[in-house]
Amino acid sequence: INVDRKSLVTASSEYLYPTYKTEKISPEQINRTVRKAAE
């Protein structure tokens, strides 16, 4: 919240998880993240 998120272009988003391009992460991206970490 206080460091990494603030470095994003979308840091002004009200959402906890903005991405580099969007105001908030998608459910599909969450699942890809979990699947990739397990891999």
ModelCIF file with pLDDT and N, C-alpha, C, O atoms, coordinates in Angstrom:
data_MODEL
#
_entry.id   MODEL 
#
_entity.id                         1 
_entity.type                       polymer 
_entity.pdbx_number_of_molecules   1 
#
_entity_poly.entity_id                      1 
_entity_poly.type                           'polypeptide(L)' 
_entity_poly.nstd_linkage                   no 
_entity_poly.nstd_monomer                   no 
_entity_poly.pdbx_seq_one_letter_code       INVDRKSLVTASSEYLYPTYKTEKISPEQINRTVRKAAE 
_entity_poly.pdbx_seq_one_letter_code_can   INVDRKSLVTASSEYLYPTYKTEKISPEQINRTVRKAAE 
_entity_poly.pdbx_strand_id                 A 
#
loop_
_entity_poly_seq.entity_id 
_entity_poly_seq.num 
_entity_poly_seq.mon_id 
_entity_poly_seq.hetero 
1 1  ILE n 
1 2  ASN n 
1 3  VAL n 
1 4  ASP n 
1 5  ARG n 
1 6  LYS n 
1 7  SER n 
1 8  LEU n 
1 9  VAL n 
1 10 THR n 
1 11 ALA n 
1 12 SER n 
1 13 SER n 
1 14 GLU n 
1 15 TYR n 
1 16 LEU n 
1 17 TYR n 
1 18 PRO n 
1 19 THR n 
1 20 TYR n 
1 21 LYS n 
1 22 THR n 
1 23 GLU n 
1 24 LYS n 
1 25 ILE n 
1 26 SER n 
1 27 PRO n 
1 28 GLU n 
1 29 GLN n 
1 30 ILE n 
1 31 ASN n 
1 32 ARG n 
1 33 THR n 
1 34 VAL n 
1 35 ARG n 
1 36 LYS n 
1 37 ALA n 
1 38 ALA n 
1 39 GLU n 
#
_struct_asym.id          A 
_struct_asym.entity_id   1 
#
loop_
_ma_qa_metric.id 
_ma_qa_metric.mode 
_ma_qa_metric.name 
_ma_qa_metric.software_group_id 
_ma_qa_metric.type 
1 global pLDDT . pLDDT 
2 local  pLDDT . pLDDT 
#
_ma_qa_metric_global.metric_id      1 
_ma_qa_metric_global.metric_value   95.90 
_ma_qa_metric_global.model_id       1 
_ma_qa_metric_global.ordinal_id     1 
#
loop_
_ma_qa_metric_local.label_asym_id 
_ma_qa_metric_local.label_comp_id 
_ma_qa_metric_local.label_seq_id 
_ma_qa_metric_local.metric_id 
_ma_qa_metric_local.metric_value 
_ma_qa_metric_local.model_id 
_ma_qa_metric_local.ordinal_id 
A ILE 1  2 97.00 1 1  
A ASN 2  2 97.00 1 2  
A VAL 3  2 96.00 1 3  
A ASP 4  2 96.00 1 4  
A ARG 5  2 96.00 1 5  
A LYS 6  2 95.00 1 6  
A SER 7  2 94.00 1 7  
A LEU 8  2 95.00 1 8  
A VAL 9  2 96.00 1 9  
A THR 10 2 96.00 1 10 
A ALA 11 2 96.00 1 11 
A SER 12 2 97.00 1 12 
A SER 13 2 98.00 1 13 
A GLU 14 2 98.00 1 14 
A TYR 15 2 98.00 1 15 
A LEU 16 2 98.00 1 16 
A TYR 17 2 98.00 1 17 
A PRO 18 2 97.00 1 18 
A THR 19 2 94.00 1 19 
A TYR 20 2 92.00 1 20 
A LYS 21 2 94.00 1 21 
A THR 22 2 96.00 1 22 
A GLU 23 2 97.00 1 23 
A LYS 24 2 97.00 1 24 
A ILE 25 2 97.00 1 25 
A SER 26 2 97.00 1 26 
A PRO 27 2 96.00 1 27 
A GLU 28 2 96.00 1 28 
A GLN 29 2 97.00 1 29 
A ILE 30 2 97.00 1 30 
A ASN 31 2 95.00 1 31 
A ARG 32 2 95.00 1 32 
A THR 33 2 96.00 1 33 
A VAL 34 2 96.00 1 34 
A ARG 35 2 94.00 1 35 
A LYS 36 2 95.00 1 36 
A ALA 37 2 94.00 1 37 
A ALA 38 2 94.00 1 38 
A GLU 39 2 93.00 1 39 
#
loop_
_atom_site.group_PDB 
_atom_site.id 
_atom_site.type_symbol 
_atom_site.label_atom_id 
_atom_site.label_alt_id 
_atom_site.label_comp_id 
_atom_site.label_asym_id 
_atom_site.label_entity_id 
_atom_site.label_seq_id 
_atom_site.pdbx_PDB_ins_code 
_atom_site.Cartn_x 
_atom_site.Cartn_y 
_atom_site.Cartn_z 
_atom_site.occupancy 
_atom_site.B_iso_or_equiv 
_atom_site.pdbx_formal_charge 
_atom_site.auth_seq_id 
_atom_site.auth_comp_id 
_atom_site.auth_asym_id 
_atom_site.auth_atom_id 
_atom_site.pdbx_PDB_model_num 
ATOM 1   N N  . ILE A 1 1  ? 0.826   -1.215  0.000   1.00 97.00 ? 1  ILE A N  1 
ATOM 2   C CA . ILE A 1 1  ? 0.000   0.000   0.000   1.00 97.00 ? 1  ILE A CA 1 
ATOM 3   C C  . ILE A 1 1  ? 0.858   1.261   0.000   1.00 97.00 ? 1  ILE A C  1 
ATOM 4   O O  . ILE A 1 1  ? 0.563   2.214   -0.722  1.00 97.00 ? 1  ILE A O  1 
ATOM 5   N N  . ASN A 1 2  ? 1.913   1.271   0.803   1.00 97.00 ? 2  ASN A N  1 
ATOM 6   C CA . ASN A 1 2  ? 2.675   2.511   1.011   1.00 97.00 ? 2  ASN A CA 1 
ATOM 7   C C  . ASN A 1 2  ? 3.889   2.700   0.119   1.00 97.00 ? 2  ASN A C  1 
ATOM 8   O O  . ASN A 1 2  ? 4.437   3.799   0.043   1.00 97.00 ? 2  ASN A O  1 
ATOM 9   N N  . VAL A 1 3  ? 4.319   1.633   -0.562  1.00 96.00 ? 3  VAL A N  1 
ATOM 10  C CA . VAL A 1 3  ? 5.520   1.763   -1.391  1.00 96.00 ? 3  VAL A CA 1 
ATOM 11  C C  . VAL A 1 3  ? 5.256   1.286   -2.824  1.00 96.00 ? 3  VAL A C  1 
ATOM 12  O O  . VAL A 1 3  ? 5.147   2.099   -3.741  1.00 96.00 ? 3  VAL A O  1 
ATOM 13  N N  . ASP A 1 4  ? 5.154   -0.031  -3.011  1.00 96.00 ? 4  ASP A N  1 
ATOM 14  C CA . ASP A 1 4  ? 5.093   -0.599  -4.358  1.00 96.00 ? 4  ASP A CA 1 
ATOM 15  C C  . ASP A 1 4  ? 3.889   -0.113  -5.163  1.00 96.00 ? 4  ASP A C  1 
ATOM 16  O O  . ASP A 1 4  ? 4.029   0.235   -6.336  1.00 96.00 ? 4  ASP A O  1 
ATOM 17  N N  . ARG A 1 5  ? 2.734   -0.088  -4.558  1.00 96.00 ? 5  ARG A N  1 
ATOM 18  C CA . ARG A 1 5  ? 1.502   0.326   -5.242  1.00 96.00 ? 5  ARG A CA 1 
ATOM 19  C C  . ARG A 1 5  ? 1.606   1.773   -5.712  1.00 96.00 ? 5  ARG A C  1 
ATOM 20  O O  . ARG A 1 5  ? 1.107   2.126   -6.780  1.00 96.00 ? 5  ARG A O  1 
ATOM 21  N N  . LYS A 1 6  ? 2.258   2.604   -4.905  1.00 95.00 ? 6  LYS A N  1 
ATOM 22  C CA . LYS A 1 6  ? 2.383   4.034   -5.227  1.00 95.00 ? 6  LYS A CA 1 
ATOM 23  C C  . LYS A 1 6  ? 3.256   4.296   -6.451  1.00 95.00 ? 6  LYS A C  1 
ATOM 24  O O  . LYS A 1 6  ? 3.211   5.383   -7.026  1.00 95.00 ? 6  LYS A O  1 
ATOM 25  N N  . SER A 1 7  ? 4.046   3.308   -6.848  1.00 94.00 ? 7  SER A N  1 
ATOM 26  C CA . SER A 1 7  ? 4.915   3.491   -8.007  1.00 94.00 ? 7  SER A CA 1 
ATOM 27  C C  . SER A 1 7  ? 4.191   3.215   -9.333  1.00 94.00 ? 7  SER A C  1 
ATOM 28  O O  . SER A 1 7  ? 4.751   3.437   -10.406 1.00 94.00 ? 7  SER A O  1 
ATOM 29  N N  . LEU A 1 8  ? 2.952   2.735   -9.253  1.00 95.00 ? 8  LEU A N  1 
ATOM 30  C CA . LEU A 1 8  ? 2.189   2.438   -10.471 1.00 95.00 ? 8  LEU A CA 1 
ATOM 31  C C  . LEU A 1 8  ? 1.616   3.707   -11.084 1.00 95.00 ? 8  LEU A C  1 
ATOM 32  O O  . LEU A 1 8  ? 1.302   4.663   -10.374 1.00 95.00 ? 8  LEU A O  1 
ATOM 33  N N  . VAL A 1 9  ? 1.484   3.710   -12.390 1.00 96.00 ? 9  VAL A N  1 
ATOM 34  C CA . VAL A 1 9  ? 0.836   4.826   -13.088 1.00 96.00 ? 9  VAL A CA 1 
ATOM 35  C C  . VAL A 1 9  ? -0.604  4.969   -12.612 1.00 96.00 ? 9  VAL A C  1 
ATOM 36  O O  . VAL A 1 9  ? -1.155  6.070   -12.601 1.00 96.00 ? 9  VAL A O  1 
ATOM 37  N N  . THR A 1 10 ? -1.205  3.859   -12.220 1.00 96.00 ? 10 THR A N  1 
ATOM 38  C CA . THR A 1 10 ? -2.613  3.832   -11.789 1.00 96.00 ? 10 THR A CA 1 
ATOM 39  C C  . THR A 1 10 ? -2.743  3.940   -10.263 1.00 96.00 ? 10 THR A C  1 
ATOM 40  O O  . THR A 1 10 ? -3.769  3.548   -9.707  1.00 96.00 ? 10 THR A O  1 
ATOM 41  N N  . ALA A 1 11 ? -1.736  4.458   -9.591  1.00 96.00 ? 11 ALA A N  1 
ATOM 42  C CA . ALA A 1 11 ? -1.727  4.532   -8.126  1.00 96.00 ? 11 ALA A CA 1 
ATOM 43  C C  . ALA A 1 11 ? -2.877  5.346   -7.550  1.00 96.00 ? 11 ALA A C  1 
ATOM 44  O O  . ALA A 1 11 ? -3.212  5.183   -6.377  1.00 96.00 ? 11 ALA A O  1 
ATOM 45  N N  . SER A 1 12 ? -3.480  6.203   -8.332  1.00 97.00 ? 12 SER A N  1 
ATOM 46  C CA . SER A 1 12 ? -4.610  7.005   -7.841  1.00 97.00 ? 12 SER A CA 1 
ATOM 47  C C  . SER A 1 12 ? -5.906  6.195   -7.768  1.00 97.00 ? 12 SER A C  1 
ATOM 48  O O  . SER A 1 12 ? -6.921  6.698   -7.287  1.00 97.00 ? 12 SER A O  1 
ATOM 49  N N  . SER A 1 13 ? -5.880  4.960   -8.234  1.00 98.00 ? 13 SER A N  1 
ATOM 50  C CA . SER A 1 13 ? -7.055  4.094   -8.169  1.00 98.00 ? 13 SER A CA 1 
ATOM 51  C C  . SER A 1 13 ? -7.478  3.901   -6.720  1.00 98.00 ? 13 SER A C  1 
ATOM 52  O O  . SER A 1 13 ? -6.639  3.861   -5.819  1.00 98.00 ? 13 SER A O  1 
ATOM 53  N N  . GLU A 1 14 ? -8.773  3.783   -6.503  1.00 98.00 ? 14 GLU A N  1 
ATOM 54  C CA . GLU A 1 14 ? -9.289  3.527   -5.154  1.00 98.00 ? 14 GLU A CA 1 
ATOM 55  C C  . GLU A 1 14 ? -9.168  2.058   -4.761  1.00 98.00 ? 14 GLU A C  1 
ATOM 56  O O  . GLU A 1 14 ? -9.364  1.713   -3.595  1.00 98.00 ? 14 GLU A O  1 
ATOM 57  N N  . TYR A 1 15 ? -8.848  1.191   -5.716  1.00 98.00 ? 15 TYR A N  1 
ATOM 58  C CA . TYR A 1 15 ? -8.802  -0.251  -5.466  1.00 98.00 ? 15 TYR A CA 1 
ATOM 59  C C  . TYR A 1 15 ? -7.452  -0.684  -4.904  1.00 98.00 ? 15 TYR A C  1 
ATOM 60  O O  . TYR A 1 15 ? -6.420  -0.075  -5.184  1.00 98.00 ? 15 TYR A O  1 
ATOM 61  N N  . LEU A 1 16 ? -7.481  -1.744  -4.110  1.00 98.00 ? 16 LEU A N  1 
ATOM 62  C CA . LEU A 1 16 ? -6.263  -2.279  -3.509  1.00 98.00 ? 16 LEU A CA 1 
ATOM 63  C C  . LEU A 1 16 ? -5.280  -2.755  -4.571  1.00 98.00 ? 16 LEU A C  1 
ATOM 64  O O  . LEU A 1 16 ? -4.072  -2.559  -4.437  1.00 98.00 ? 16 LEU A O  1 
ATOM 65  N N  . TYR A 1 17 ? -5.799  -3.380  -5.627  1.00 98.00 ? 17 TYR A N  1 
ATOM 66  C CA . TYR A 1 17 ? -4.926  -3.958  -6.641  1.00 98.00 ? 17 TYR A CA 1 
ATOM 67  C C  . TYR A 1 17 ? -5.147  -3.346  -8.018  1.00 98.00 ? 17 TYR A C  1 
ATOM 68  O O  . TYR A 1 17 ? -5.780  -3.965  -8.874  1.00 98.00 ? 17 TYR A O  1 
ATOM 69  N N  . PRO A 1 18 ? -4.628  -2.129  -8.245  1.00 97.00 ? 18 PRO A N  1 
ATOM 70  C CA . PRO A 1 18 ? -4.615  -1.658  -9.630  1.00 97.00 ? 18 PRO A CA 1 
ATOM 71  C C  . PRO A 1 18 ? -3.507  -2.403  -10.373 1.00 97.00 ? 18 PRO A C  1 
ATOM 72  O O  . PRO A 1 18 ? -2.619  -2.990  -9.755  1.00 97.00 ? 18 PRO A O  1 
ATOM 73  N N  . THR A 1 19 ? -3.568  -2.373  -11.680 1.00 94.00 ? 19 THR A N  1 
ATOM 74  C CA . THR A 1 19 ? -2.488  -2.980  -12.470 1.00 94.00 ? 19 THR A CA 1 
ATOM 75  C C  . THR A 1 19 ? -1.711  -1.854  -13.139 1.00 94.00 ? 19 THR A C  1 
ATOM 76  O O  . THR A 1 19 ? -1.988  -0.678  -12.902 1.00 94.00 ? 19 THR A O  1 
ATOM 77  N N  . TYR A 1 20 ? -0.758  -2.206  -13.957 1.00 92.00 ? 20 TYR A N  1 
ATOM 78  C CA . TYR A 1 20 ? 0.004   -1.182  -14.672 1.00 92.00 ? 20 TYR A CA 1 
ATOM 79  C C  . TYR A 1 20 ? -0.880  -0.391  -15.631 1.00 92.00 ? 20 TYR A C  1 
ATOM 80  O O  . TYR A 1 20 ? -0.581  0.757   -15.960 1.00 92.00 ? 20 TYR A O  1 
ATOM 81  N N  . LYS A 1 21 ? -1.981  -1.022  -16.080 1.00 94.00 ? 21 LYS A N  1 
ATOM 82  C CA . LYS A 1 21 ? -2.812  -0.391  -17.104 1.00 94.00 ? 21 LYS A CA 1 
ATOM 83  C C  . LYS A 1 21 ? -4.243  -0.092  -16.674 1.00 94.00 ? 21 LYS A C  1 
ATOM 84  O O  . LYS A 1 21 ? -4.905  0.744   -17.290 1.00 94.00 ? 21 LYS A O  1 
ATOM 85  N N  . THR A 1 22 ? -4.735  -0.758  -15.626 1.00 96.00 ? 22 THR A N  1 
ATOM 86  C CA . THR A 1 22 ? -6.145  -0.611  -15.270 1.00 96.00 ? 22 THR A CA 1 
ATOM 87  C C  . THR A 1 22 ? -6.327  -0.227  -13.796 1.00 96.00 ? 22 THR A C  1 
ATOM 88  O O  . THR A 1 22 ? -5.430  -0.400  -12.971 1.00 96.00 ? 22 THR A O  1 
ATOM 89  N N  . GLU A 1 23 ? -7.501  0.292   -13.501 1.00 97.00 ? 23 GLU A N  1 
ATOM 90  C CA . GLU A 1 23 ? -7.843  0.728   -12.153 1.00 97.00 ? 23 GLU A CA 1 
ATOM 91  C C  . GLU A 1 23 ? -7.886  -0.416  -11.152 1.00 97.00 ? 23 GLU A C  1 
ATOM 92  O O  . GLU A 1 23 ? -7.617  -0.216  -9.967  1.00 97.00 ? 23 GLU A O  1 
ATOM 93  N N  . LYS A 1 24 ? -8.227  -1.629  -11.628 1.00 97.00 ? 24 LYS A N  1 
ATOM 94  C CA . LYS A 1 24 ? -8.258  -2.781  -10.728 1.00 97.00 ? 24 LYS A CA 1 
ATOM 95  C C  . LYS A 1 24 ? -7.939  -4.048  -11.505 1.00 97.00 ? 24 LYS A C  1 
ATOM 96  O O  . LYS A 1 24 ? -8.185  -4.157  -12.706 1.00 97.00 ? 24 LYS A O  1 
ATOM 97  N N  . ILE A 1 25 ? -7.386  -4.989  -10.775 1.00 97.00 ? 25 ILE A N  1 
ATOM 98  C CA . ILE A 1 25 ? -7.028  -6.289  -11.342 1.00 97.00 ? 25 ILE A CA 1 
ATOM 99  C C  . ILE A 1 25 ? -8.309  -7.067  -11.648 1.00 97.00 ? 25 ILE A C  1 
ATOM 100 O O  . ILE A 1 25 ? -9.336  -6.847  -11.005 1.00 97.00 ? 25 ILE A O  1 
ATOM 101 N N  . SER A 1 26 ? -8.255  -7.961  -12.609 1.00 97.00 ? 26 SER A N  1 
ATOM 102 C CA . SER A 1 26 ? -9.430  -8.768  -12.966 1.00 97.00 ? 26 SER A CA 1 
ATOM 103 C C  . SER A 1 26 ? -9.408  -10.104 -12.227 1.00 97.00 ? 26 SER A C  1 
ATOM 104 O O  . SER A 1 26 ? -8.345  -10.562 -11.809 1.00 97.00 ? 26 SER A O  1 
ATOM 105 N N  . PRO A 1 27 ? -10.578 -10.732 -12.064 1.00 96.00 ? 27 PRO A N  1 
ATOM 106 C CA . PRO A 1 27 ? -10.600 -12.063 -11.452 1.00 96.00 ? 27 PRO A CA 1 
ATOM 107 C C  . PRO A 1 27 ? -9.748  -13.074 -12.223 1.00 96.00 ? 27 PRO A C  1 
ATOM 108 O O  . PRO A 1 27 ? -9.134  -13.958 -11.626 1.00 96.00 ? 27 PRO A O  1 
ATOM 109 N N  . GLU A 1 28 ? -9.715  -12.940 -13.537 1.00 96.00 ? 28 GLU A N  1 
ATOM 110 C CA . GLU A 1 28 ? -8.917  -13.855 -14.358 1.00 96.00 ? 28 GLU A CA 1 
ATOM 111 C C  . GLU A 1 28 ? -7.432  -13.689 -14.066 1.00 96.00 ? 28 GLU A C  1 
ATOM 112 O O  . GLU A 1 28 ? -6.694  -14.673 -14.008 1.00 96.00 ? 28 GLU A O  1 
ATOM 113 N N  . GLN A 1 29 ? -6.988  -12.432 -13.880 1.00 97.00 ? 29 GLN A N  1 
ATOM 114 C CA . GLN A 1 29 ? -5.585  -12.180 -13.564 1.00 97.00 ? 29 GLN A CA 1 
ATOM 115 C C  . GLN A 1 29 ? -5.224  -12.744 -12.190 1.00 97.00 ? 29 GLN A C  1 
ATOM 116 O O  . GLN A 1 29 ? -4.118  -13.246 -11.986 1.00 97.00 ? 29 GLN A O  1 
ATOM 117 N N  . ILE A 1 30 ? -6.161  -12.658 -11.259 1.00 97.00 ? 30 ILE A N  1 
ATOM 118 C CA . ILE A 1 30 ? -5.932  -13.257 -9.931  1.00 97.00 ? 30 ILE A CA 1 
ATOM 119 C C  . ILE A 1 30 ? -5.690  -14.759 -10.095 1.00 97.00 ? 30 ILE A C  1 
ATOM 120 O O  . ILE A 1 30 ? -4.749  -15.312 -9.525  1.00 97.00 ? 30 ILE A O  1 
ATOM 121 N N  . ASN A 1 31 ? -6.549  -15.406 -10.878 1.00 95.00 ? 31 ASN A N  1 
ATOM 122 C CA . ASN A 1 31 ? -6.393  -16.857 -11.059 1.00 95.00 ? 31 ASN A CA 1 
ATOM 123 C C  . ASN A 1 31 ? -5.087  -17.185 -11.775 1.00 95.00 ? 31 ASN A C  1 
ATOM 124 O O  . ASN A 1 31 ? -4.411  -18.147 -11.412 1.00 95.00 ? 31 ASN A O  1 
ATOM 125 N N  . ARG A 1 32 ? -4.725  -16.401 -12.784 1.00 95.00 ? 32 ARG A N  1 
ATOM 126 C CA . ARG A 1 32 ? -3.445  -16.640 -13.478 1.00 95.00 ? 32 ARG A CA 1 
ATOM 127 C C  . ARG A 1 32 ? -2.279  -16.489 -12.507 1.00 95.00 ? 32 ARG A C  1 
ATOM 128 O O  . ARG A 1 32 ? -1.311  -17.246 -12.570 1.00 95.00 ? 32 ARG A O  1 
ATOM 129 N N  . THR A 1 33 ? -2.372  -15.522 -11.620 1.00 96.00 ? 33 THR A N  1 
ATOM 130 C CA . THR A 1 33 ? -1.316  -15.291 -10.633 1.00 96.00 ? 33 THR A CA 1 
ATOM 131 C C  . THR A 1 33 ? -1.153  -16.505 -9.726  1.00 96.00 ? 33 THR A C  1 
ATOM 132 O O  . THR A 1 33 ? -0.033  -16.950 -9.476  1.00 96.00 ? 33 THR A O  1 
ATOM 133 N N  . VAL A 1 34 ? -2.259  -17.036 -9.238  1.00 96.00 ? 34 VAL A N  1 
ATOM 134 C CA . VAL A 1 34 ? -2.218  -18.203 -8.348  1.00 96.00 ? 34 VAL A CA 1 
ATOM 135 C C  . VAL A 1 34 ? -1.678  -19.419 -9.098  1.00 96.00 ? 34 VAL A C  1 
ATOM 136 O O  . VAL A 1 34 ? -0.820  -20.143 -8.593  1.00 96.00 ? 34 VAL A O  1 
ATOM 137 N N  . ARG A 1 35 ? -2.186  -19.627 -10.291 1.00 94.00 ? 35 ARG A N  1 
ATOM 138 C CA . ARG A 1 35 ? -1.754  -20.793 -11.072 1.00 94.00 ? 35 ARG A CA 1 
ATOM 139 C C  . ARG A 1 35 ? -0.257  -20.728 -11.380 1.00 94.00 ? 35 ARG A C  1 
ATOM 140 O O  . ARG A 1 35 ? 0.447   -21.732 -11.271 1.00 94.00 ? 35 ARG A O  1 
ATOM 141 N N  . LYS A 1 36 ? 0.220   -19.554 -11.761 1.00 95.00 ? 36 LYS A N  1 
ATOM 142 C CA . LYS A 1 36 ? 1.632   -19.384 -12.109 1.00 95.00 ? 36 LYS A CA 1 
ATOM 143 C C  . LYS A 1 36 ? 2.520   -19.569 -10.875 1.00 95.00 ? 36 LYS A C  1 
ATOM 144 O O  . LYS A 1 36 ? 3.586   -20.178 -10.965 1.00 95.00 ? 36 LYS A O  1 
ATOM 145 N N  . ALA A 1 37 ? 2.089   -19.052 -9.737  1.00 94.00 ? 37 ALA A N  1 
ATOM 146 C CA . ALA A 1 37 ? 2.871   -19.219 -8.509  1.00 94.00 ? 37 ALA A CA 1 
ATOM 147 C C  . ALA A 1 37 ? 2.971   -20.699 -8.142  1.00 94.00 ? 37 ALA A C  1 
ATOM 148 O O  . ALA A 1 37 ? 4.028   -21.166 -7.716  1.00 94.00 ? 37 ALA A O  1 
ATOM 149 N N  . ALA A 1 38 ? 1.871   -21.436 -8.307  1.00 94.00 ? 38 ALA A N  1 
ATOM 150 C CA . ALA A 1 38 ? 1.889   -22.875 -8.021  1.00 94.00 ? 38 ALA A CA 1 
ATOM 151 C C  . ALA A 1 38 ? 2.835   -23.599 -8.980  1.00 94.00 ? 38 ALA A C  1 
ATOM 152 O O  . ALA A 1 38 ? 3.554   -24.513 -8.576  1.00 94.00 ? 38 ALA A O  1 
ATOM 153 N N  . GLU A 1 39 ? 2.832   -23.190 -10.241 1.00 93.00 ? 39 GLU A N  1 
ATOM 154 C CA . GLU A 1 39 ? 3.766   -23.761 -11.226 1.00 93.00 ? 39 GLU A CA 1 
ATOM 155 C C  . GLU A 1 39 ? 5.203   -23.501 -10.807 1.00 93.00 ? 39 GLU A C  1 
ATOM 156 O O  . GLU A 1 39 ? 6.133   -23.904 -11.506 1.00 93.00 ? 39 GLU A O  1 
#
